[in-house]
PDB file of all heavy atoms in Angstrom:
ATOM      1  N   HIS A   1      -1.008 -25.012  -8.260  1.00  0.00           N
ATOM      2  CA  HIS A   1      -2.163 -24.304  -8.045  1.00  0.00           C
ATOM      3  C   HIS A   1      -2.025 -23.603  -6.556  1.00  0.00           C
ATOM      4  O   HIS A   1      -1.614 -24.264  -5.651  1.00  0.00           O
ATOM      5  CB  HIS A   1      -3.473 -25.217  -8.151  1.00  0.00           C
ATOM      6  CG  HIS A   1      -4.793 -24.447  -8.059  1.00  0.00           C
ATOM      7  ND1 HIS A   1      -5.371 -23.862  -6.986  1.00  0.00           N
ATOM      8  CD2 HIS A   1      -5.640 -24.315  -9.087  1.00  0.00           C
ATOM      9  CE1 HIS A   1      -6.441 -23.421  -7.348  1.00  0.00           C
ATOM     10  NE2 HIS A   1      -6.788 -23.711  -8.562  1.00  0.00           N
ATOM     11  N   ILE A   2      -2.572 -22.402  -6.506  1.00  0.00           N
ATOM     12  CA  ILE A   2      -2.607 -21.733  -5.204  1.00  0.00           C
ATOM     13  C   ILE A   2      -3.995 -21.077  -4.978  1.00  0.00           C
ATOM     14  O   ILE A   2      -4.412 -20.318  -5.839  1.00  0.00           O
ATOM     15  CB  ILE A   2      -1.449 -20.664  -4.983  1.00  0.00           C
ATOM     16  CG1 ILE A   2      -0.214 -21.332  -5.155  1.00  0.00           C
ATOM     17  CG2 ILE A   2      -1.629 -19.926  -3.755  1.00  0.00           C
ATOM     18  CD1 ILE A   2       1.028 -20.276  -5.337  1.00  0.00           C
ATOM     19  N   SER A   3      -4.577 -21.362  -3.854  1.00  0.00           N
ATOM     20  CA  SER A   3      -5.924 -20.637  -3.499  1.00  0.00           C
ATOM     21  C   SER A   3      -5.608 -19.744  -2.336  1.00  0.00           C
ATOM     22  O   SER A   3      -5.010 -20.127  -1.350  1.00  0.00           O
ATOM     23  CB  SER A   3      -6.915 -21.696  -3.138  1.00  0.00           C
ATOM     24  OG  SER A   3      -7.249 -22.535  -4.198  1.00  0.00           O
ATOM     25  N   SER A   4      -6.021 -18.521  -2.564  1.00  0.00           N
ATOM     26  CA  SER A   4      -5.687 -17.513  -1.400  1.00  0.00           C
ATOM     27  C   SER A   4      -7.076 -16.851  -1.108  1.00  0.00           C
ATOM     28  O   SER A   4      -7.688 -16.158  -1.908  1.00  0.00           O
ATOM     29  CB  SER A   4      -4.660 -16.502  -1.880  1.00  0.00           C
ATOM     30  OG  SER A   4      -4.630 -15.421  -0.874  1.00  0.00           O
ATOM     31  N   TYR A   5      -7.518 -17.122   0.248  1.00  0.00           N
ATOM     32  CA  TYR A   5      -8.834 -16.612   0.657  1.00  0.00           C
ATOM     33  C   TYR A   5      -8.521 -15.648   1.652  1.00  0.00           C
ATOM     34  O   TYR A   5      -7.646 -15.775   2.614  1.00  0.00           O
ATOM     35  CB  TYR A   5      -9.682 -17.682   1.107  1.00  0.00           C
ATOM     36  CG  TYR A   5     -10.033 -18.689   0.059  1.00  0.00           C
ATOM     37  CD1 TYR A   5      -9.189 -19.864  -0.090  1.00  0.00           C
ATOM     38  CD2 TYR A   5     -11.007 -18.421  -0.815  1.00  0.00           C
ATOM     39  CE1 TYR A   5      -9.598 -20.830  -1.010  1.00  0.00           C
ATOM     40  CE2 TYR A   5     -11.414 -19.431  -1.767  1.00  0.00           C
ATOM     41  CZ  TYR A   5     -10.689 -20.684  -1.839  1.00  0.00           C
ATOM     42  OH  TYR A   5     -10.882 -21.563  -2.867  1.00  0.00           O
ATOM     43  N   SER A   6      -9.330 -14.525   1.583  1.00  0.00           N
ATOM     44  CA  SER A   6      -9.244 -13.444   2.604  1.00  0.00           C
ATOM     45  C   SER A   6     -10.234 -14.028   3.794  1.00  0.00           C
ATOM     46  O   SER A   6     -11.389 -14.254   3.587  1.00  0.00           O
ATOM     47  CB  SER A   6      -9.779 -12.053   2.133  1.00  0.00           C
ATOM     48  OG  SER A   6      -9.748 -11.118   3.242  1.00  0.00           O
ATOM     49  N   LEU A   7      -9.731 -13.914   5.069  1.00  0.00           N
ATOM     50  CA  LEU A   7     -10.512 -14.422   6.099  1.00  0.00           C
ATOM     51  C   LEU A   7     -11.828 -13.662   6.396  1.00  0.00           C
ATOM     52  O   LEU A   7     -11.791 -12.419   6.305  1.00  0.00           O
ATOM     53  CB  LEU A   7      -9.832 -14.377   7.485  1.00  0.00           C
ATOM     54  CG  LEU A   7     -10.516 -14.659   8.670  1.00  0.00           C
ATOM     55  CD1 LEU A   7     -10.906 -16.171   8.769  1.00  0.00           C
ATOM     56  CD2 LEU A   7      -9.773 -14.312   9.992  1.00  0.00           C
ATOM     57  N   ILE A   8     -12.869 -14.332   6.385  1.00  0.00           N
ATOM     58  CA  ILE A   8     -14.255 -13.760   6.597  1.00  0.00           C
ATOM     59  C   ILE A   8     -14.669 -14.375   8.017  1.00  0.00           C
ATOM     60  O   ILE A   8     -14.730 -15.478   8.221  1.00  0.00           O
ATOM     61  CB  ILE A   8     -15.283 -13.934   5.619  1.00  0.00           C
ATOM     62  CG1 ILE A   8     -14.816 -13.506   4.276  1.00  0.00           C
ATOM     63  CG2 ILE A   8     -16.626 -13.585   6.005  1.00  0.00           C
ATOM     64  CD1 ILE A   8     -15.761 -13.931   3.088  1.00  0.00           C
ATOM     65  N   VAL A   9     -15.014 -13.506   8.876  1.00  0.00           N
ATOM     66  CA  VAL A   9     -15.358 -13.898  10.206  1.00  0.00           C
ATOM     67  C   VAL A   9     -16.928 -14.134  10.160  1.00  0.00           C
ATOM     68  O   VAL A   9     -17.731 -13.225  10.054  1.00  0.00           O
ATOM     69  CB  VAL A   9     -15.013 -12.785  11.370  1.00  0.00           C
ATOM     70  CG1 VAL A   9     -15.693 -13.205  12.721  1.00  0.00           C
ATOM     71  CG2 VAL A   9     -13.557 -12.552  11.483  1.00  0.00           C
ATOM     72  N   GLU A  10     -17.190 -15.466  10.409  1.00  0.00           N
ATOM     73  CA  GLU A  10     -18.635 -15.834  10.223  1.00  0.00           C
ATOM     74  C   GLU A  10     -19.262 -16.022  11.613  1.00  0.00           C
ATOM     75  O   GLU A  10     -18.616 -16.390  12.565  1.00  0.00           O
ATOM     76  CB  GLU A  10     -18.704 -17.163   9.373  1.00  0.00           C
ATOM     77  CG  GLU A  10     -18.100 -17.132   7.965  1.00  0.00           C
ATOM     78  CD  GLU A  10     -18.957 -16.497   7.007  1.00  0.00           C
ATOM     79  OE1 GLU A  10     -19.985 -15.895   7.358  1.00  0.00           O
ATOM     80  OE2 GLU A  10     -18.624 -16.420   5.856  1.00  0.00           O
ATOM     81  N   GLU A  11     -20.606 -15.716  11.588  1.00  0.00           N
ATOM     82  CA  GLU A  11     -21.346 -15.956  12.780  1.00  0.00           C
ATOM     83  C   GLU A  11     -21.350 -17.423  13.168  1.00  0.00           C
ATOM     84  O   GLU A  11     -21.211 -18.391  12.347  1.00  0.00           O
ATOM     85  CB  GLU A  11     -22.764 -15.492  12.585  1.00  0.00           C
ATOM     86  CG  GLU A  11     -22.938 -14.038  12.621  1.00  0.00           C
ATOM     87  CD  GLU A  11     -24.460 -13.552  12.486  1.00  0.00           C
ATOM     88  OE1 GLU A  11     -25.161 -14.112  13.577  1.00  0.00           O
ATOM     89  OE2 GLU A  11     -24.899 -12.752  11.900  1.00  0.00           O
ATOM     90  N   GLY A  12     -21.383 -17.766  14.523  1.00  0.00           N
ATOM     91  CA  GLY A  12     -21.331 -19.119  14.924  1.00  0.00           C
ATOM     92  C   GLY A  12     -19.834 -19.600  15.023  1.00  0.00           C
ATOM     93  O   GLY A  12     -19.802 -20.740  15.519  1.00  0.00           O
ATOM     94  N   THR A  13     -18.886 -18.874  14.784  1.00  0.00           N
ATOM     95  CA  THR A  13     -17.436 -19.412  15.007  1.00  0.00           C
ATOM     96  C   THR A  13     -16.937 -18.742  16.217  1.00  0.00           C
ATOM     97  O   THR A  13     -17.357 -17.614  16.597  1.00  0.00           O
ATOM     98  CB  THR A  13     -16.653 -18.989  13.715  1.00  0.00           C
ATOM     99  OG1 THR A  13     -16.482 -17.569  13.569  1.00  0.00           O
ATOM    100  CG2 THR A  13     -17.183 -19.606  12.378  1.00  0.00           C
ATOM    101  N   PRO A  14     -15.816 -19.301  16.743  1.00  0.00           N
ATOM    102  CA  PRO A  14     -15.105 -18.643  17.925  1.00  0.00           C
ATOM    103  C   PRO A  14     -14.622 -17.324  17.583  1.00  0.00           C
ATOM    104  O   PRO A  14     -14.667 -16.357  18.385  1.00  0.00           O
ATOM    105  CB  PRO A  14     -13.986 -19.641  18.172  1.00  0.00           C
ATOM    106  CG  PRO A  14     -14.553 -21.011  17.708  1.00  0.00           C
ATOM    107  CD  PRO A  14     -15.254 -20.597  16.590  1.00  0.00           C
ATOM    108  N   PHE A  15     -14.236 -17.073  16.358  1.00  0.00           N
ATOM    109  CA  PHE A  15     -13.616 -15.805  15.902  1.00  0.00           C
ATOM    110  C   PHE A  15     -14.676 -14.782  16.012  1.00  0.00           C
ATOM    111  O   PHE A  15     -14.561 -13.588  16.385  1.00  0.00           O
ATOM    112  CB  PHE A  15     -13.090 -15.910  14.564  1.00  0.00           C
ATOM    113  CG  PHE A  15     -11.663 -16.044  14.470  1.00  0.00           C
ATOM    114  CD1 PHE A  15     -10.859 -16.429  15.549  1.00  0.00           C
ATOM    115  CD2 PHE A  15     -10.930 -16.157  13.192  1.00  0.00           C
ATOM    116  CE1 PHE A  15      -9.517 -16.651  15.530  1.00  0.00           C
ATOM    117  CE2 PHE A  15      -9.603 -16.472  13.080  1.00  0.00           C
ATOM    118  CZ  PHE A  15      -8.852 -16.807  14.305  1.00  0.00           C
ATOM    119  N   TYR A  16     -15.929 -15.094  15.893  1.00  0.00           N
ATOM    120  CA  TYR A  16     -17.038 -14.200  15.849  1.00  0.00           C
ATOM    121  C   TYR A  16     -17.289 -13.792  17.223  1.00  0.00           C
ATOM    122  O   TYR A  16     -17.609 -12.541  17.480  1.00  0.00           O
ATOM    123  CB  TYR A  16     -18.288 -14.699  15.268  1.00  0.00           C
ATOM    124  CG  TYR A  16     -19.437 -13.726  15.003  1.00  0.00           C
ATOM    125  CD1 TYR A  16     -19.354 -12.923  13.906  1.00  0.00           C
ATOM    126  CD2 TYR A  16     -20.461 -13.429  15.917  1.00  0.00           C
ATOM    127  CE1 TYR A  16     -20.204 -11.945  13.560  1.00  0.00           C
ATOM    128  CE2 TYR A  16     -21.461 -12.495  15.675  1.00  0.00           C
ATOM    129  CZ  TYR A  16     -21.383 -11.733  14.573  1.00  0.00           C
ATOM    130  OH  TYR A  16     -22.265 -10.715  14.372  1.00  0.00           O
ATOM    131  N   GLU A  17     -17.204 -14.488  18.178  1.00  0.00           N
ATOM    132  CA  GLU A  17     -17.374 -14.170  19.513  1.00  0.00           C
ATOM    133  C   GLU A  17     -16.157 -13.161  19.950  1.00  0.00           C
ATOM    134  O   GLU A  17     -16.472 -12.380  20.828  1.00  0.00           O
ATOM    135  CB  GLU A  17     -17.217 -15.417  20.386  1.00  0.00           C
ATOM    136  CG  GLU A  17     -18.365 -16.339  20.262  1.00  0.00           C
ATOM    137  CD  GLU A  17     -18.210 -17.681  21.029  1.00  0.00           C
ATOM    138  OE1 GLU A  17     -17.435 -17.635  21.955  1.00  0.00           O
ATOM    139  OE2 GLU A  17     -18.917 -18.761  20.825  1.00  0.00           O
ATOM    140  N   ILE A  18     -15.036 -13.218  19.269  1.00  0.00           N
ATOM    141  CA  ILE A  18     -13.876 -12.329  19.594  1.00  0.00           C
ATOM    142  C   ILE A  18     -14.169 -11.039  18.876  1.00  0.00           C
ATOM    143  O   ILE A  18     -13.963 -10.033  19.415  1.00  0.00           O
ATOM    144  CB  ILE A  18     -12.657 -13.034  19.384  1.00  0.00           C
ATOM    145  CG1 ILE A  18     -12.504 -14.300  20.133  1.00  0.00           C
ATOM    146  CG2 ILE A  18     -11.439 -12.071  19.550  1.00  0.00           C
ATOM    147  CD1 ILE A  18     -11.260 -15.104  19.859  1.00  0.00           C
ATOM    148  N   TYR A  19     -14.334 -11.123  17.645  1.00  0.00           N
ATOM    149  CA  TYR A  19     -14.262  -9.920  16.740  1.00  0.00           C
ATOM    150  C   TYR A  19     -15.586  -9.331  16.403  1.00  0.00           C
ATOM    151  O   TYR A  19     -15.671  -8.270  15.936  1.00  0.00           O
ATOM    152  CB  TYR A  19     -13.465 -10.335  15.512  1.00  0.00           C
ATOM    153  CG  TYR A  19     -11.997 -10.719  15.781  1.00  0.00           C
ATOM    154  CD1 TYR A  19     -11.739 -12.078  15.716  1.00  0.00           C
ATOM    155  CD2 TYR A  19     -11.071  -9.793  16.299  1.00  0.00           C
ATOM    156  CE1 TYR A  19     -10.435 -12.487  16.015  1.00  0.00           C
ATOM    157  CE2 TYR A  19      -9.801 -10.246  16.565  1.00  0.00           C
ATOM    158  CZ  TYR A  19      -9.478 -11.660  16.486  1.00  0.00           C
ATOM    159  OH  TYR A  19      -8.194 -12.081  16.834  1.00  0.00           O
ATOM    160  N   GLY A  20     -16.655 -10.191  16.316  1.00  0.00           N
ATOM    161  CA  GLY A  20     -18.001  -9.715  15.993  1.00  0.00           C
ATOM    162  C   GLY A  20     -17.846  -9.258  14.515  1.00  0.00           C
ATOM    163  O   GLY A  20     -17.289 -10.028  13.589  1.00  0.00           O
ATOM    164  N   ASP A  21     -18.448  -8.157  14.193  1.00  0.00           N
ATOM    165  CA  ASP A  21     -18.522  -7.626  12.822  1.00  0.00           C
ATOM    166  C   ASP A  21     -17.343  -6.741  12.514  1.00  0.00           C
ATOM    167  O   ASP A  21     -17.211  -6.057  11.566  1.00  0.00           O
ATOM    168  CB  ASP A  21     -19.841  -6.856  12.656  1.00  0.00           C
ATOM    169  CG  ASP A  21     -21.036  -7.791  12.754  1.00  0.00           C
ATOM    170  OD1 ASP A  21     -20.955  -8.878  12.320  1.00  0.00           O
ATOM    171  OD2 ASP A  21     -22.101  -7.251  13.383  1.00  0.00           O
ATOM    172  N   ILE A  22     -16.428  -6.653  13.439  1.00  0.00           N
ATOM    173  CA  ILE A  22     -15.221  -5.793  13.212  1.00  0.00           C
ATOM    174  C   ILE A  22     -14.057  -6.671  12.704  1.00  0.00           C
ATOM    175  O   ILE A  22     -13.616  -7.690  13.310  1.00  0.00           O
ATOM    176  CB  ILE A  22     -14.691  -5.161  14.472  1.00  0.00           C
ATOM    177  CG1 ILE A  22     -15.901  -4.257  15.022  1.00  0.00           C
ATOM    178  CG2 ILE A  22     -13.466  -4.273  14.080  1.00  0.00           C
ATOM    179  CD1 ILE A  22     -15.561  -3.697  16.469  1.00  0.00           C
ATOM    180  N   PRO A  23     -13.679  -6.532  11.382  1.00  0.00           N
ATOM    181  CA  PRO A  23     -12.547  -7.418  10.869  1.00  0.00           C
ATOM    182  C   PRO A  23     -11.252  -7.294  11.677  1.00  0.00           C
ATOM    183  O   PRO A  23     -10.864  -6.202  12.057  1.00  0.00           O
ATOM    184  CB  PRO A  23     -12.408  -6.913   9.418  1.00  0.00           C
ATOM    185  CG  PRO A  23     -13.640  -6.180   9.214  1.00  0.00           C
ATOM    186  CD  PRO A  23     -14.049  -5.609  10.377  1.00  0.00           C
ATOM    187  N   PRO A  24     -10.509  -8.434  11.893  1.00  0.00           N
ATOM    188  CA  PRO A  24      -9.339  -8.374  12.658  1.00  0.00           C
ATOM    189  C   PRO A  24      -8.088  -7.720  12.067  1.00  0.00           C
ATOM    190  O   PRO A  24      -7.223  -7.315  12.723  1.00  0.00           O
ATOM    191  CB  PRO A  24      -8.995  -9.857  12.830  1.00  0.00           C
ATOM    192  CG  PRO A  24      -9.719 -10.541  11.778  1.00  0.00           C
ATOM    193  CD  PRO A  24     -10.959  -9.794  11.455  1.00  0.00           C
ATOM    194  N   VAL A  25      -8.249  -7.444  10.633  1.00  0.00           N
ATOM    195  CA  VAL A  25      -7.242  -6.661  10.054  1.00  0.00           C
ATOM    196  C   VAL A  25      -7.998  -5.555   9.411  1.00  0.00           C
ATOM    197  O   VAL A  25      -9.003  -5.637   8.676  1.00  0.00           O
ATOM    198  CB  VAL A  25      -6.418  -7.474   8.959  1.00  0.00           C
ATOM    199  CG1 VAL A  25      -5.592  -6.636   8.067  1.00  0.00           C
ATOM    200  CG2 VAL A  25      -5.676  -8.570   9.635  1.00  0.00           C
ATOM    201  N   ASP A  26      -7.360  -4.282   9.397  1.00  0.00           N
ATOM    202  CA  ASP A  26      -8.141  -3.113   8.881  1.00  0.00           C
ATOM    203  C   ASP A  26      -8.125  -3.179   7.386  1.00  0.00           C
ATOM    204  O   ASP A  26      -7.466  -3.897   6.718  1.00  0.00           O
ATOM    205  CB  ASP A  26      -7.093  -1.884   9.236  1.00  0.00           C
ATOM    206  CG  ASP A  26      -5.835  -1.806   8.553  1.00  0.00           C
ATOM    207  OD1 ASP A  26      -5.815  -1.310   7.382  1.00  0.00           O
ATOM    208  OD2 ASP A  26      -4.862  -2.337   9.120  1.00  0.00           O
ATOM    209  N   GLU A  27      -9.122  -2.539   6.754  1.00  0.00           N
ATOM    210  CA  GLU A  27      -9.489  -2.643   5.347  1.00  0.00           C
ATOM    211  C   GLU A  27      -8.462  -2.239   4.379  1.00  0.00           C
ATOM    212  O   GLU A  27      -8.136  -2.960   3.464  1.00  0.00           O
ATOM    213  CB  GLU A  27     -10.636  -1.706   5.046  1.00  0.00           C
ATOM    214  CG  GLU A  27     -11.261  -1.787   3.801  1.00  0.00           C
ATOM    215  CD  GLU A  27     -12.542  -0.966   3.458  1.00  0.00           C
ATOM    216  OE1 GLU A  27     -13.047  -0.451   4.551  1.00  0.00           O
ATOM    217  OE2 GLU A  27     -12.915  -0.725   2.366  1.00  0.00           O
ATOM    218  N   GLU A  28      -7.618  -1.332   4.824  1.00  0.00           N
ATOM    219  CA  GLU A  28      -6.478  -0.898   4.004  1.00  0.00           C
ATOM    220  C   GLU A  28      -5.412  -1.950   3.925  1.00  0.00           C
ATOM    221  O   GLU A  28      -4.889  -2.251   2.722  1.00  0.00           O
ATOM    222  CB  GLU A  28      -5.750   0.435   4.426  1.00  0.00           C
ATOM    223  CG  GLU A  28      -4.497   0.834   3.513  1.00  0.00           C
ATOM    224  CD  GLU A  28      -4.928   1.217   2.119  1.00  0.00           C
ATOM    225  OE1 GLU A  28      -6.106   1.326   1.791  1.00  0.00           O
ATOM    226  OE2 GLU A  28      -3.971   1.427   1.289  1.00  0.00           O
ATOM    227  N   THR A  29      -5.011  -2.646   4.970  1.00  0.00           N
ATOM    228  CA  THR A  29      -4.125  -3.680   4.938  1.00  0.00           C
ATOM    229  C   THR A  29      -4.599  -4.970   4.245  1.00  0.00           C
ATOM    230  O   THR A  29      -3.946  -5.497   3.472  1.00  0.00           O
ATOM    231  CB  THR A  29      -3.754  -4.104   6.345  1.00  0.00           C
ATOM    232  OG1 THR A  29      -3.166  -2.917   7.192  1.00  0.00           O
ATOM    233  CG2 THR A  29      -2.676  -5.229   6.419  1.00  0.00           C
ATOM    234  N   ASP A  30      -5.895  -5.138   4.383  1.00  0.00           N
ATOM    235  CA  ASP A  30      -6.612  -6.303   3.771  1.00  0.00           C
ATOM    236  C   ASP A  30      -6.459  -5.998   2.121  1.00  0.00           C
ATOM    237  O   ASP A  30      -6.193  -6.955   1.408  1.00  0.00           O
ATOM    238  CB  ASP A  30      -8.028  -6.379   4.171  1.00  0.00           C
ATOM    239  CG  ASP A  30      -8.700  -7.732   3.659  1.00  0.00           C
ATOM    240  OD1 ASP A  30      -8.005  -8.592   3.108  1.00  0.00           O
ATOM    241  OD2 ASP A  30      -9.917  -7.830   3.853  1.00  0.00           O
ATOM    242  N   ARG A  31      -6.807  -4.865   1.688  1.00  0.00           N
ATOM    243  CA  ARG A  31      -6.816  -4.520   0.401  1.00  0.00           C
ATOM    244  C   ARG A  31      -5.378  -4.647  -0.308  1.00  0.00           C
ATOM    245  O   ARG A  31      -5.094  -5.221  -1.416  1.00  0.00           O
ATOM    246  CB  ARG A  31      -7.216  -3.117   0.169  1.00  0.00           C
ATOM    247  CG  ARG A  31      -7.359  -2.640  -1.364  1.00  0.00           C
ATOM    248  CD  ARG A  31      -7.816  -1.264  -1.454  1.00  0.00           C
ATOM    249  NE  ARG A  31      -7.011  -0.232  -0.818  1.00  0.00           N
ATOM    250  CZ  ARG A  31      -5.906   0.326  -1.490  1.00  0.00           C
ATOM    251  NH1 ARG A  31      -5.605  -0.119  -2.802  1.00  0.00           N
ATOM    252  NH2 ARG A  31      -5.140   1.101  -0.998  1.00  0.00           N
ATOM    253  N   LEU A  32      -4.330  -4.166   0.473  1.00  0.00           N
ATOM    254  CA  LEU A  32      -2.911  -4.446   0.081  1.00  0.00           C
ATOM    255  C   LEU A  32      -2.543  -5.842  -0.040  1.00  0.00           C
ATOM    256  O   LEU A  32      -1.779  -6.137  -0.960  1.00  0.00           O
ATOM    257  CB  LEU A  32      -1.941  -3.566   1.013  1.00  0.00           C
ATOM    258  CG  LEU A  32      -2.149  -2.016   1.006  1.00  0.00           C
ATOM    259  CD1 LEU A  32      -1.354  -1.354   2.196  1.00  0.00           C
ATOM    260  CD2 LEU A  32      -1.629  -1.520  -0.333  1.00  0.00           C
ATOM    261  N   MET A  33      -2.903  -6.629   0.906  1.00  0.00           N
ATOM    262  CA  MET A  33      -2.630  -8.113   0.742  1.00  0.00           C
ATOM    263  C   MET A  33      -3.312  -8.596  -0.467  1.00  0.00           C
ATOM    264  O   MET A  33      -2.663  -9.480  -1.151  1.00  0.00           O
ATOM    265  CB  MET A  33      -3.075  -8.768   2.119  1.00  0.00           C
ATOM    266  CG  MET A  33      -2.341  -8.498   3.356  1.00  0.00           C
ATOM    267  SD  MET A  33      -3.278  -9.242   4.737  1.00  0.00           S
ATOM    268  CE  MET A  33      -2.217  -8.813   6.111  1.00  0.00           C
ATOM    269  N   TYR A  34      -4.372  -8.219  -0.679  1.00  0.00           N
ATOM    270  CA  TYR A  34      -5.200  -8.651  -1.864  1.00  0.00           C
ATOM    271  C   TYR A  34      -4.479  -8.422  -3.135  1.00  0.00           C
ATOM    272  O   TYR A  34      -4.317  -9.232  -4.163  1.00  0.00           O
ATOM    273  CB  TYR A  34      -6.571  -8.018  -1.913  1.00  0.00           C
ATOM    274  CG  TYR A  34      -7.604  -8.534  -2.820  1.00  0.00           C
ATOM    275  CD1 TYR A  34      -8.204  -9.817  -2.584  1.00  0.00           C
ATOM    276  CD2 TYR A  34      -7.979  -7.888  -3.802  1.00  0.00           C
ATOM    277  CE1 TYR A  34      -9.171 -10.353  -3.332  1.00  0.00           C
ATOM    278  CE2 TYR A  34      -9.153  -8.416  -4.730  1.00  0.00           C
ATOM    279  CZ  TYR A  34      -9.653  -9.636  -4.392  1.00  0.00           C
ATOM    280  OH  TYR A  34     -10.588 -10.113  -5.233  1.00  0.00           O
ATOM    281  N   GLN A  35      -3.893  -7.124  -3.209  1.00  0.00           N
ATOM    282  CA  GLN A  35      -3.082  -6.730  -4.251  1.00  0.00           C
ATOM    283  C   GLN A  35      -1.826  -7.519  -4.436  1.00  0.00           C
ATOM    284  O   GLN A  35      -1.295  -7.824  -5.546  1.00  0.00           O
ATOM    285  CB  GLN A  35      -2.766  -5.255  -4.287  1.00  0.00           C
ATOM    286  CG  GLN A  35      -4.100  -4.459  -4.450  1.00  0.00           C
ATOM    287  CD  GLN A  35      -3.899  -2.946  -4.297  1.00  0.00           C
ATOM    288  OE1 GLN A  35      -2.818  -2.476  -3.834  1.00  0.00           O
ATOM    289  NE2 GLN A  35      -5.024  -2.024  -4.527  1.00  0.00           N
ATOM    290  N   ASP A  36      -1.111  -7.699  -3.287  1.00  0.00           N
ATOM    291  CA  ASP A  36       0.204  -8.459  -3.241  1.00  0.00           C
ATOM    292  C   ASP A  36      -0.103  -9.933  -3.783  1.00  0.00           C
ATOM    293  O   ASP A  36       0.804 -10.352  -4.453  1.00  0.00           O
ATOM    294  CB  ASP A  36       0.679  -8.500  -1.822  1.00  0.00           C
ATOM    295  CG  ASP A  36       1.358  -7.189  -1.351  1.00  0.00           C
ATOM    296  OD1 ASP A  36       1.679  -6.420  -2.241  1.00  0.00           O
ATOM    297  OD2 ASP A  36       1.418  -7.067  -0.226  1.00  0.00           O
ATOM    298  N   THR A  37      -1.196 -10.541  -3.536  1.00  0.00           N
ATOM    299  CA  THR A  37      -1.390 -11.801  -3.904  1.00  0.00           C
ATOM    300  C   THR A  37      -1.336 -11.947  -5.472  1.00  0.00           C
ATOM    301  O   THR A  37      -0.537 -12.753  -6.104  1.00  0.00           O
ATOM    302  CB  THR A  37      -2.847 -12.359  -3.622  1.00  0.00           C
ATOM    303  OG1 THR A  37      -2.931 -12.124  -2.101  1.00  0.00           O
ATOM    304  CG2 THR A  37      -3.132 -13.724  -3.903  1.00  0.00           C
ATOM    305  N   GLU A  38      -2.034 -11.113  -6.168  1.00  0.00           N
ATOM    306  CA  GLU A  38      -1.984 -11.171  -7.585  1.00  0.00           C
ATOM    307  C   GLU A  38      -0.575 -10.691  -8.209  1.00  0.00           C
ATOM    308  O   GLU A  38      -0.154 -11.433  -9.050  1.00  0.00           O
ATOM    309  CB  GLU A  38      -3.075 -10.179  -8.267  1.00  0.00           C
ATOM    310  CG  GLU A  38      -3.116 -10.198  -9.732  1.00  0.00           C
ATOM    311  CD  GLU A  38      -4.190  -9.290 -10.354  1.00  0.00           C
ATOM    312  OE1 GLU A  38      -4.630  -8.358  -9.742  1.00  0.00           O
ATOM    313  OE2 GLU A  38      -4.642  -9.616 -11.404  1.00  0.00           O
ATOM    314  N   ALA A  39       0.039  -9.644  -7.570  1.00  0.00           N
ATOM    315  CA  ALA A  39       1.328  -9.232  -8.142  1.00  0.00           C
ATOM    316  C   ALA A  39       2.391 -10.351  -7.949  1.00  0.00           C
ATOM    317  O   ALA A  39       3.128 -10.561  -8.900  1.00  0.00           O
ATOM    318  CB  ALA A  39       1.824  -8.053  -7.330  1.00  0.00           C
ATOM    319  N   PHE A  40       2.454 -10.870  -6.722  1.00  0.00           N
ATOM    320  CA  PHE A  40       3.461 -11.991  -6.572  1.00  0.00           C
ATOM    321  C   PHE A  40       3.271 -13.158  -7.344  1.00  0.00           C
ATOM    322  O   PHE A  40       4.158 -13.783  -7.899  1.00  0.00           O
ATOM    323  CB  PHE A  40       3.427 -12.140  -4.971  1.00  0.00           C
ATOM    324  CG  PHE A  40       4.268 -11.408  -4.199  1.00  0.00           C
ATOM    325  CD1 PHE A  40       3.911 -10.033  -3.938  1.00  0.00           C
ATOM    326  CD2 PHE A  40       5.234 -11.851  -3.383  1.00  0.00           C
ATOM    327  CE1 PHE A  40       4.688  -9.143  -3.133  1.00  0.00           C
ATOM    328  CE2 PHE A  40       6.019 -11.000  -2.577  1.00  0.00           C
ATOM    329  CZ  PHE A  40       5.700  -9.637  -2.452  1.00  0.00           C
ATOM    330  N   LEU A  41       1.958 -13.705  -7.397  1.00  0.00           N
ATOM    331  CA  LEU A  41       1.594 -14.894  -8.205  1.00  0.00           C
ATOM    332  C   LEU A  41       1.795 -14.691  -9.674  1.00  0.00           C
ATOM    333  O   LEU A  41       2.311 -15.517 -10.320  1.00  0.00           O
ATOM    334  CB  LEU A  41       0.332 -15.411  -7.800  1.00  0.00           C
ATOM    335  CG  LEU A  41       0.204 -15.763  -6.396  1.00  0.00           C
ATOM    336  CD1 LEU A  41      -1.154 -16.418  -5.980  1.00  0.00           C
ATOM    337  CD2 LEU A  41       1.355 -16.701  -5.805  1.00  0.00           C
ATOM    338  N   LYS A  42       1.392 -13.476 -10.093  1.00  0.00           N
ATOM    339  CA  LYS A  42       1.561 -13.323 -11.513  1.00  0.00           C
ATOM    340  C   LYS A  42       3.038 -13.294 -11.962  1.00  0.00           C
ATOM    341  O   LYS A  42       3.431 -13.873 -12.963  1.00  0.00           O
ATOM    342  CB  LYS A  42       0.916 -11.956 -11.880  1.00  0.00           C
ATOM    343  CG  LYS A  42       1.004 -11.571 -13.426  1.00  0.00           C
ATOM    344  CD  LYS A  42       0.275 -10.261 -13.617  1.00  0.00           C
ATOM    345  CE  LYS A  42       0.251  -9.943 -15.135  1.00  0.00           C
ATOM    346  NZ  LYS A  42      -0.484  -8.705 -15.471  1.00  0.00           N
ATOM    347  N   LYS A  43       3.854 -12.649 -11.197  1.00  0.00           N
ATOM    348  CA  LYS A  43       5.275 -12.645 -11.444  1.00  0.00           C
ATOM    349  C   LYS A  43       5.920 -13.991 -11.414  1.00  0.00           C
ATOM    350  O   LYS A  43       6.898 -14.343 -12.147  1.00  0.00           O
ATOM    351  CB  LYS A  43       6.017 -11.729 -10.392  1.00  0.00           C
ATOM    352  CG  LYS A  43       7.421 -11.475 -10.578  1.00  0.00           C
ATOM    353  CD  LYS A  43       8.039 -10.607  -9.653  1.00  0.00           C
ATOM    354  CE  LYS A  43       9.576 -10.334  -9.983  1.00  0.00           C
ATOM    355  NZ  LYS A  43      10.253  -9.306  -8.915  1.00  0.00           N
ATOM    356  N   ALA A  44       5.386 -14.899 -10.597  1.00  0.00           N
ATOM    357  CA  ALA A  44       5.843 -16.276 -10.372  1.00  0.00           C
ATOM    358  C   ALA A  44       5.268 -17.199 -11.512  1.00  0.00           C
ATOM    359  O   ALA A  44       5.564 -18.417 -11.547  1.00  0.00           O
ATOM    360  CB  ALA A  44       5.586 -16.764  -9.081  1.00  0.00           C
TER     361      ALA A  44
END
């Protein structure tokens, strides 16, 4: 079994103090990673 979660920067965490509401990875890269997850795991 493999669980793959996209990082969500939540209020009250150290990451939120650094990044605030701006995701640390741009939306397009995040979307491509999301697609890679399904493609790689389906093939496997």
